[in-house]
Amino acid sequence: MITFNRVYSRSKPWSVWNQLSAELNDIWEQHSQSSHAPANLWTREDEAVLTVLIPSRRLEDVQVSVHRDVVTIEAAAAADDLPEGTASLRRERHHPQFSRKVKLPFEIDPEQVEATYERGQLRIQLRRHQSTLPTKIAVKSA
C-alpha cells in the first residue's frame, strides 16, 4: 500500500513522484522474485521433450527427477557475483530457488531420460515406458 509520510509543497513535485516510483519498484521486486520458470512441452506417441528457461544457474545447482508421469525440476538460488567491497544499487534480475513439477500424459522410462543444460535452457528428453505403449494384437480367424 502506498502511503505518503508528509505533505509536499508545490515546490517539490518530483518528491511525490520519487516516493511513488520507489514504492512501485518494491512491488515489482516482490513480484519478480516468484519461482516461475517458463516451460515448453512437446509430445509424440513414444516421447516428450520439455524445455525450461533457468537463467544464471550453475549446472550443479540444477536437479531433475522423474517419478512415473511427473518430472520435477529444482534449482538453487543464483549467487550474487559481486566483486569484494561493492554494493548493489539496483537489482532487477533476481533468480530465487524454485521447484516445478510437470505432469506428462504417459509414464516415463527413467532409464531413457536425457537432460542437457546450455545457455540458461534446460532440455529434457523423456521416453515413454515400453509397458505403456499401445500394442497391436494380431486377430486370428476361428
N, C-alpha and C. Protein backbone atom coordinates (compact mmCIF):
# COMPACT_ATOMS: atom_id res chain seq x y z
N MET A 1 0.84 -1.17 0.00
CA MET A 1 0.00 0.00 0.00
C MET A 1 0.89 1.24 0.00
N ILE A 2 0.54 2.22 -0.78
CA ILE A 2 1.33 3.43 -0.91
C ILE A 2 0.87 4.44 0.12
N THR A 3 1.80 4.93 0.90
CA THR A 3 1.48 5.96 1.90
C THR A 3 2.47 7.09 1.77
N PHE A 4 2.00 8.28 2.01
CA PHE A 4 2.86 9.44 1.98
C PHE A 4 3.01 9.95 3.40
N ASN A 5 4.26 10.05 3.84
CA ASN A 5 4.53 10.40 5.22
C ASN A 5 4.41 11.87 5.53
N ARG A 6 4.55 12.70 4.54
CA ARG A 6 4.45 14.13 4.80
C ARG A 6 3.82 14.83 3.62
N VAL A 7 3.35 16.01 3.85
CA VAL A 7 2.72 16.78 2.80
C VAL A 7 3.81 17.53 2.05
N TYR A 8 3.79 17.40 0.72
CA TYR A 8 4.81 18.05 -0.10
C TYR A 8 4.27 19.38 -0.63
N SER A 9 5.14 20.36 -0.66
CA SER A 9 4.73 21.67 -1.18
C SER A 9 4.79 21.65 -2.69
N ARG A 10 4.25 22.67 -3.31
CA ARG A 10 4.25 22.77 -4.77
C ARG A 10 5.66 22.92 -5.33
N SER A 11 6.59 23.30 -4.50
CA SER A 11 7.96 23.49 -4.96
C SER A 11 8.70 22.17 -5.13
N LYS A 12 8.14 21.07 -4.64
CA LYS A 12 8.80 19.77 -4.73
C LYS A 12 7.89 18.73 -5.39
N PRO A 13 7.47 18.96 -6.63
CA PRO A 13 6.55 18.00 -7.25
C PRO A 13 7.21 16.65 -7.52
N TRP A 14 8.52 16.63 -7.72
CA TRP A 14 9.18 15.37 -8.03
C TRP A 14 9.37 14.51 -6.80
N SER A 15 9.26 15.05 -5.62
CA SER A 15 9.40 14.26 -4.41
C SER A 15 8.30 13.21 -4.31
N VAL A 16 7.08 13.61 -4.64
CA VAL A 16 5.97 12.66 -4.63
C VAL A 16 6.21 11.58 -5.68
N TRP A 17 6.64 11.98 -6.85
CA TRP A 17 6.92 11.02 -7.92
C TRP A 17 8.02 10.04 -7.51
N ASN A 18 9.07 10.54 -6.88
CA ASN A 18 10.17 9.67 -6.45
C ASN A 18 9.71 8.65 -5.42
N GLN A 19 8.86 9.07 -4.49
CA GLN A 19 8.36 8.15 -3.48
C GLN A 19 7.46 7.09 -4.12
N LEU A 20 6.60 7.52 -5.03
CA LEU A 20 5.72 6.59 -5.74
C LEU A 20 6.55 5.60 -6.56
N SER A 21 7.58 6.10 -7.23
CA SER A 21 8.44 5.24 -8.03
C SER A 21 9.15 4.21 -7.16
N ALA A 22 9.63 4.61 -5.99
CA ALA A 22 10.30 3.68 -5.08
C ALA A 22 9.34 2.60 -4.60
N GLU A 23 8.10 2.99 -4.28
CA GLU A 23 7.10 2.01 -3.83
C GLU A 23 6.78 1.02 -4.95
N LEU A 24 6.64 1.51 -6.18
CA LEU A 24 6.34 0.62 -7.29
C LEU A 24 7.50 -0.31 -7.59
N ASN A 25 8.73 0.17 -7.44
CA ASN A 25 9.89 -0.70 -7.62
C ASN A 25 9.90 -1.82 -6.59
N ASP A 26 9.53 -1.51 -5.34
CA ASP A 26 9.46 -2.54 -4.30
C ASP A 26 8.41 -3.60 -4.65
N ILE A 27 7.26 -3.15 -5.12
CA ILE A 27 6.20 -4.09 -5.51
C ILE A 27 6.68 -4.96 -6.67
N TRP A 28 7.35 -4.36 -7.66
CA TRP A 28 7.85 -5.11 -8.81
C TRP A 28 8.88 -6.14 -8.38
N GLU A 29 9.79 -5.77 -7.47
CA GLU A 29 10.80 -6.71 -6.99
C GLU A 29 10.16 -7.91 -6.32
N GLN A 30 9.13 -7.67 -5.50
CA GLN A 30 8.46 -8.78 -4.83
C GLN A 30 7.80 -9.69 -5.84
N HIS A 31 7.19 -9.11 -6.87
CA HIS A 31 6.52 -9.90 -7.90
C HIS A 31 7.53 -10.68 -8.74
N SER A 32 8.64 -10.05 -9.09
CA SER A 32 9.61 -10.70 -9.97
C SER A 32 10.39 -11.79 -9.27
N GLN A 33 10.32 -11.87 -7.95
CA GLN A 33 11.03 -12.90 -7.22
C GLN A 33 10.23 -14.18 -7.09
N SER A 34 9.13 -14.28 -7.82
CA SER A 34 8.34 -15.51 -7.77
C SER A 34 9.14 -16.64 -8.40
N SER A 35 8.80 -17.85 -8.06
CA SER A 35 9.57 -19.01 -8.53
C SER A 35 8.96 -19.58 -9.81
N HIS A 36 8.96 -18.77 -10.84
CA HIS A 36 8.39 -19.21 -12.10
C HIS A 36 9.50 -19.38 -13.13
N ALA A 37 9.46 -20.47 -13.82
CA ALA A 37 10.40 -20.72 -14.91
C ALA A 37 9.56 -21.14 -16.12
N PRO A 38 9.57 -20.34 -17.19
CA PRO A 38 8.76 -20.68 -18.36
C PRO A 38 9.19 -22.01 -18.98
N ALA A 39 8.21 -22.80 -19.38
CA ALA A 39 8.49 -24.13 -19.93
C ALA A 39 7.68 -24.38 -21.19
N ASN A 40 8.21 -25.22 -22.05
CA ASN A 40 7.52 -25.71 -23.24
C ASN A 40 7.58 -27.23 -23.19
N LEU A 41 6.51 -27.87 -23.65
CA LEU A 41 6.44 -29.34 -23.65
C LEU A 41 5.89 -29.80 -24.99
N TRP A 42 6.63 -30.70 -25.65
CA TRP A 42 6.18 -31.32 -26.89
C TRP A 42 6.08 -32.81 -26.66
N THR A 43 5.04 -33.43 -27.21
CA THR A 43 4.90 -34.88 -27.05
C THR A 43 4.65 -35.54 -28.40
N ARG A 44 5.11 -36.78 -28.49
CA ARG A 44 4.80 -37.68 -29.59
C ARG A 44 4.24 -38.94 -28.95
N GLU A 45 3.99 -39.94 -29.75
CA GLU A 45 3.43 -41.17 -29.20
C GLU A 45 4.37 -41.84 -28.21
N ASP A 46 5.70 -41.79 -28.49
CA ASP A 46 6.63 -42.53 -27.65
C ASP A 46 7.63 -41.66 -26.89
N GLU A 47 7.54 -40.34 -26.97
CA GLU A 47 8.49 -39.49 -26.25
C GLU A 47 7.92 -38.10 -26.01
N ALA A 48 8.60 -37.37 -25.15
CA ALA A 48 8.26 -35.97 -24.87
C ALA A 48 9.56 -35.19 -24.72
N VAL A 49 9.51 -33.91 -25.05
CA VAL A 49 10.64 -33.03 -24.86
C VAL A 49 10.15 -31.83 -24.05
N LEU A 50 10.83 -31.59 -22.94
CA LEU A 50 10.48 -30.48 -22.04
C LEU A 50 11.66 -29.52 -22.01
N THR A 51 11.40 -28.24 -22.30
CA THR A 51 12.44 -27.22 -22.18
C THR A 51 12.00 -26.20 -21.14
N VAL A 52 12.94 -25.79 -20.29
CA VAL A 52 12.66 -24.85 -19.21
C VAL A 52 13.76 -23.79 -19.19
N LEU A 53 13.36 -22.52 -19.11
CA LEU A 53 14.34 -21.44 -19.01
C LEU A 53 14.73 -21.25 -17.56
N ILE A 54 16.00 -21.44 -17.27
CA ILE A 54 16.54 -21.28 -15.92
C ILE A 54 17.82 -20.45 -16.05
N PRO A 55 17.72 -19.14 -16.16
CA PRO A 55 18.92 -18.33 -16.37
C PRO A 55 19.78 -18.20 -15.12
N SER A 56 21.04 -17.92 -15.35
CA SER A 56 22.02 -17.60 -14.30
C SER A 56 22.17 -18.69 -13.25
N ARG A 57 22.13 -19.94 -13.65
CA ARG A 57 22.33 -21.05 -12.71
C ARG A 57 23.56 -21.84 -13.14
N ARG A 58 24.22 -22.41 -12.17
CA ARG A 58 25.33 -23.32 -12.45
C ARG A 58 24.75 -24.71 -12.68
N LEU A 59 25.43 -25.50 -13.46
CA LEU A 59 24.96 -26.84 -13.78
C LEU A 59 24.73 -27.67 -12.53
N GLU A 60 25.61 -27.57 -11.55
CA GLU A 60 25.48 -28.36 -10.33
C GLU A 60 24.32 -27.91 -9.44
N ASP A 61 23.73 -26.76 -9.72
CA ASP A 61 22.59 -26.27 -8.92
C ASP A 61 21.23 -26.72 -9.48
N VAL A 62 21.24 -27.37 -10.65
CA VAL A 62 20.00 -27.81 -11.29
C VAL A 62 19.84 -29.32 -11.09
N GLN A 63 18.65 -29.73 -10.61
CA GLN A 63 18.36 -31.15 -10.38
C GLN A 63 17.07 -31.53 -11.09
N VAL A 64 17.07 -32.70 -11.70
CA VAL A 64 15.90 -33.23 -12.39
C VAL A 64 15.62 -34.61 -11.83
N SER A 65 14.35 -34.88 -11.50
CA SER A 65 13.95 -36.22 -11.07
C SER A 65 12.65 -36.61 -11.77
N VAL A 66 12.46 -37.92 -11.90
CA VAL A 66 11.29 -38.46 -12.61
C VAL A 66 10.65 -39.51 -11.73
N HIS A 67 9.32 -39.44 -11.61
CA HIS A 67 8.57 -40.48 -10.91
C HIS A 67 7.28 -40.72 -11.68
N ARG A 68 7.19 -41.89 -12.28
CA ARG A 68 6.04 -42.29 -13.11
C ARG A 68 5.80 -41.28 -14.23
N ASP A 69 4.77 -40.43 -14.11
CA ASP A 69 4.45 -39.48 -15.18
C ASP A 69 4.70 -38.02 -14.77
N VAL A 70 5.54 -37.81 -13.76
CA VAL A 70 5.82 -36.45 -13.27
C VAL A 70 7.33 -36.19 -13.31
N VAL A 71 7.69 -35.05 -13.88
CA VAL A 71 9.07 -34.58 -13.91
C VAL A 71 9.18 -33.45 -12.91
N THR A 72 10.17 -33.51 -12.02
CA THR A 72 10.40 -32.45 -11.04
C THR A 72 11.73 -31.79 -11.36
N ILE A 73 11.69 -30.46 -11.45
CA ILE A 73 12.89 -29.67 -11.73
C ILE A 73 13.10 -28.74 -10.55
N GLU A 74 14.32 -28.76 -10.00
CA GLU A 74 14.67 -27.90 -8.88
C GLU A 74 15.96 -27.18 -9.21
N ALA A 75 16.04 -25.92 -8.78
CA ALA A 75 17.26 -25.15 -8.99
C ALA A 75 17.51 -24.29 -7.76
N ALA A 76 18.75 -24.29 -7.33
CA ALA A 76 19.13 -23.46 -6.18
C ALA A 76 19.17 -22.00 -6.62
N ALA A 77 19.09 -21.11 -5.65
CA ALA A 77 19.14 -19.68 -5.93
C ALA A 77 20.49 -19.32 -6.55
N ALA A 78 20.45 -18.43 -7.52
CA ALA A 78 21.69 -17.97 -8.16
C ALA A 78 22.44 -17.06 -7.21
N ALA A 79 23.71 -17.27 -7.11
CA ALA A 79 24.53 -16.45 -6.20
C ALA A 79 24.81 -15.09 -6.84
N ASP A 80 24.88 -14.07 -5.98
CA ASP A 80 25.28 -12.74 -6.45
C ASP A 80 26.79 -12.72 -6.58
N ASP A 81 27.26 -12.51 -7.78
CA ASP A 81 28.70 -12.48 -8.02
C ASP A 81 29.19 -11.04 -8.04
N LEU A 82 29.13 -10.40 -6.89
CA LEU A 82 29.61 -9.02 -6.77
C LEU A 82 31.08 -9.03 -6.36
N PRO A 83 31.87 -8.16 -6.96
CA PRO A 83 33.26 -8.07 -6.51
C PRO A 83 33.32 -7.62 -5.06
N GLU A 84 34.37 -8.02 -4.38
CA GLU A 84 34.53 -7.68 -2.97
C GLU A 84 34.59 -6.16 -2.79
N GLY A 85 33.90 -5.66 -1.78
CA GLY A 85 33.90 -4.23 -1.48
C GLY A 85 32.88 -3.44 -2.26
N THR A 86 31.99 -4.11 -3.01
CA THR A 86 30.97 -3.39 -3.76
C THR A 86 29.60 -3.67 -3.17
N ALA A 87 28.67 -2.78 -3.49
CA ALA A 87 27.29 -2.94 -3.03
C ALA A 87 26.37 -2.80 -4.24
N SER A 88 25.27 -3.51 -4.21
CA SER A 88 24.30 -3.45 -5.29
C SER A 88 23.42 -2.22 -5.12
N LEU A 89 23.35 -1.39 -6.15
CA LEU A 89 22.49 -0.21 -6.11
C LEU A 89 21.10 -0.49 -6.67
N ARG A 90 21.03 -1.39 -7.62
CA ARG A 90 19.75 -1.75 -8.23
C ARG A 90 19.83 -3.21 -8.63
N ARG A 91 18.78 -3.95 -8.32
CA ARG A 91 18.77 -5.38 -8.64
C ARG A 91 17.41 -5.71 -9.22
N GLU A 92 17.33 -5.73 -10.54
CA GLU A 92 16.06 -6.01 -11.22
C GLU A 92 15.93 -7.47 -11.60
N ARG A 93 17.04 -8.16 -11.72
CA ARG A 93 17.00 -9.58 -12.06
C ARG A 93 17.39 -10.38 -10.84
N HIS A 94 16.41 -11.06 -10.29
CA HIS A 94 16.65 -11.91 -9.12
C HIS A 94 16.25 -13.32 -9.49
N HIS A 95 17.08 -14.28 -9.16
CA HIS A 95 16.82 -15.66 -9.52
C HIS A 95 16.75 -16.51 -8.25
N PRO A 96 15.55 -16.60 -7.64
CA PRO A 96 15.42 -17.35 -6.39
C PRO A 96 15.41 -18.86 -6.63
N GLN A 97 15.49 -19.60 -5.56
CA GLN A 97 15.37 -21.05 -5.62
C GLN A 97 13.96 -21.38 -6.09
N PHE A 98 13.82 -22.42 -6.88
CA PHE A 98 12.47 -22.81 -7.31
C PHE A 98 12.38 -24.31 -7.51
N SER A 99 11.14 -24.77 -7.53
CA SER A 99 10.85 -26.16 -7.81
C SER A 99 9.59 -26.19 -8.68
N ARG A 100 9.63 -27.00 -9.72
CA ARG A 100 8.48 -27.08 -10.61
C ARG A 100 8.24 -28.53 -11.00
N LYS A 101 6.95 -28.91 -11.02
CA LYS A 101 6.57 -30.27 -11.41
C LYS A 101 5.73 -30.18 -12.68
N VAL A 102 6.02 -31.07 -13.61
CA VAL A 102 5.28 -31.12 -14.87
C VAL A 102 4.75 -32.54 -15.03
N LYS A 103 3.43 -32.64 -15.23
CA LYS A 103 2.80 -33.95 -15.41
C LYS A 103 2.67 -34.23 -16.91
N LEU A 104 3.09 -35.44 -17.29
CA LEU A 104 3.03 -35.85 -18.68
C LEU A 104 1.83 -36.76 -18.92
N PRO A 105 1.42 -36.92 -20.17
CA PRO A 105 0.26 -37.76 -20.46
C PRO A 105 0.57 -39.26 -20.47
N PHE A 106 1.80 -39.64 -20.16
CA PHE A 106 2.16 -41.06 -20.11
C PHE A 106 3.27 -41.28 -19.08
N GLU A 107 3.47 -42.55 -18.71
CA GLU A 107 4.52 -42.89 -17.75
C GLU A 107 5.88 -42.86 -18.44
N ILE A 108 6.89 -42.39 -17.72
CA ILE A 108 8.23 -42.19 -18.26
C ILE A 108 9.13 -43.35 -17.88
N ASP A 109 10.00 -43.74 -18.80
CA ASP A 109 11.03 -44.74 -18.51
C ASP A 109 12.23 -43.99 -17.92
N PRO A 110 12.50 -44.15 -16.63
CA PRO A 110 13.58 -43.37 -16.00
C PRO A 110 14.96 -43.70 -16.55
N GLU A 111 15.13 -44.87 -17.18
CA GLU A 111 16.42 -45.24 -17.75
C GLU A 111 16.68 -44.54 -19.09
N GLN A 112 15.65 -43.95 -19.67
CA GLN A 112 15.77 -43.34 -21.00
C GLN A 112 15.65 -41.81 -20.96
N VAL A 113 15.91 -41.19 -19.84
CA VAL A 113 15.80 -39.73 -19.70
C VAL A 113 17.16 -39.10 -19.97
N GLU A 114 17.17 -38.08 -20.82
CA GLU A 114 18.40 -37.33 -21.10
C GLU A 114 18.13 -35.86 -20.83
N ALA A 115 19.01 -35.23 -20.04
CA ALA A 115 18.85 -33.81 -19.71
C ALA A 115 20.14 -33.06 -20.04
N THR A 116 20.00 -31.92 -20.71
CA THR A 116 21.15 -31.07 -21.02
C THR A 116 20.83 -29.64 -20.60
N TYR A 117 21.85 -28.92 -20.18
CA TYR A 117 21.69 -27.53 -19.75
C TYR A 117 22.72 -26.68 -20.48
N GLU A 118 22.21 -25.75 -21.28
CA GLU A 118 23.11 -24.90 -22.06
C GLU A 118 22.52 -23.50 -22.18
N ARG A 119 23.35 -22.50 -21.88
CA ARG A 119 22.99 -21.08 -22.00
C ARG A 119 21.65 -20.75 -21.34
N GLY A 120 21.42 -21.28 -20.15
CA GLY A 120 20.24 -20.95 -19.38
C GLY A 120 18.99 -21.74 -19.74
N GLN A 121 19.10 -22.70 -20.64
CA GLN A 121 17.94 -23.51 -21.02
C GLN A 121 18.19 -24.97 -20.69
N LEU A 122 17.27 -25.54 -19.94
CA LEU A 122 17.30 -26.96 -19.60
C LEU A 122 16.43 -27.70 -20.61
N ARG A 123 16.99 -28.75 -21.24
CA ARG A 123 16.23 -29.54 -22.21
C ARG A 123 16.23 -30.98 -21.72
N ILE A 124 15.03 -31.53 -21.54
CA ILE A 124 14.88 -32.89 -21.04
C ILE A 124 14.13 -33.71 -22.07
N GLN A 125 14.76 -34.78 -22.52
CA GLN A 125 14.11 -35.70 -23.46
C GLN A 125 13.67 -36.91 -22.67
N LEU A 126 12.38 -37.22 -22.75
CA LEU A 126 11.77 -38.28 -21.94
C LEU A 126 11.14 -39.33 -22.85
N ARG A 127 11.53 -40.56 -22.66
CA ARG A 127 10.96 -41.67 -23.43
C ARG A 127 9.81 -42.30 -22.66
N ARG A 128 8.80 -42.68 -23.38
CA ARG A 128 7.65 -43.36 -22.80
C ARG A 128 8.05 -44.77 -22.38
N HIS A 129 7.55 -45.19 -21.23
CA HIS A 129 7.85 -46.55 -20.74
C HIS A 129 7.23 -47.56 -21.69
N GLN A 130 8.01 -48.60 -22.04
CA GLN A 130 7.56 -49.60 -23.01
C GLN A 130 6.26 -50.28 -22.62
N SER A 131 6.04 -50.45 -21.33
CA SER A 131 4.82 -51.14 -20.89
C SER A 131 3.56 -50.32 -21.13
N THR A 132 3.71 -49.02 -21.38
CA THR A 132 2.53 -48.18 -21.61
C THR A 132 2.28 -47.88 -23.08
N LEU A 133 3.17 -48.37 -23.96
CA LEU A 133 2.96 -48.17 -25.40
C LEU A 133 1.82 -49.05 -25.89
N PRO A 134 1.03 -48.54 -26.80
CA PRO A 134 -0.04 -49.39 -27.35
C PRO A 134 0.55 -50.59 -28.10
N THR A 135 -0.06 -51.73 -27.92
CA THR A 135 0.41 -52.95 -28.55
C THR A 135 -0.63 -53.45 -29.54
N LYS A 136 -0.19 -53.77 -30.75
CA LYS A 136 -1.11 -54.31 -31.74
C LYS A 136 -1.25 -55.81 -31.52
N ILE A 137 -2.47 -56.25 -31.53
CA ILE A 137 -2.78 -57.66 -31.34
C ILE A 137 -3.24 -58.24 -32.67
N ALA A 138 -2.60 -59.33 -33.09
CA ALA A 138 -3.00 -59.98 -34.32
C ALA A 138 -4.31 -60.74 -34.09
N VAL A 139 -5.24 -60.53 -34.96
CA VAL A 139 -6.55 -61.20 -34.86
C VAL A 139 -6.52 -62.42 -35.78
N LYS A 140 -6.85 -63.57 -35.19
CA LYS A 140 -6.84 -64.82 -35.94
C LYS A 140 -8.29 -65.24 -36.24
N SER A 141 -8.44 -65.97 -37.30
CA SER A 141 -9.78 -66.48 -37.59
C SER A 141 -10.03 -67.73 -36.77
N ALA A 142 -11.28 -67.96 -36.43
CA ALA A 142 -11.63 -69.10 -35.58
C ALA A 142 -11.82 -70.36 -36.36
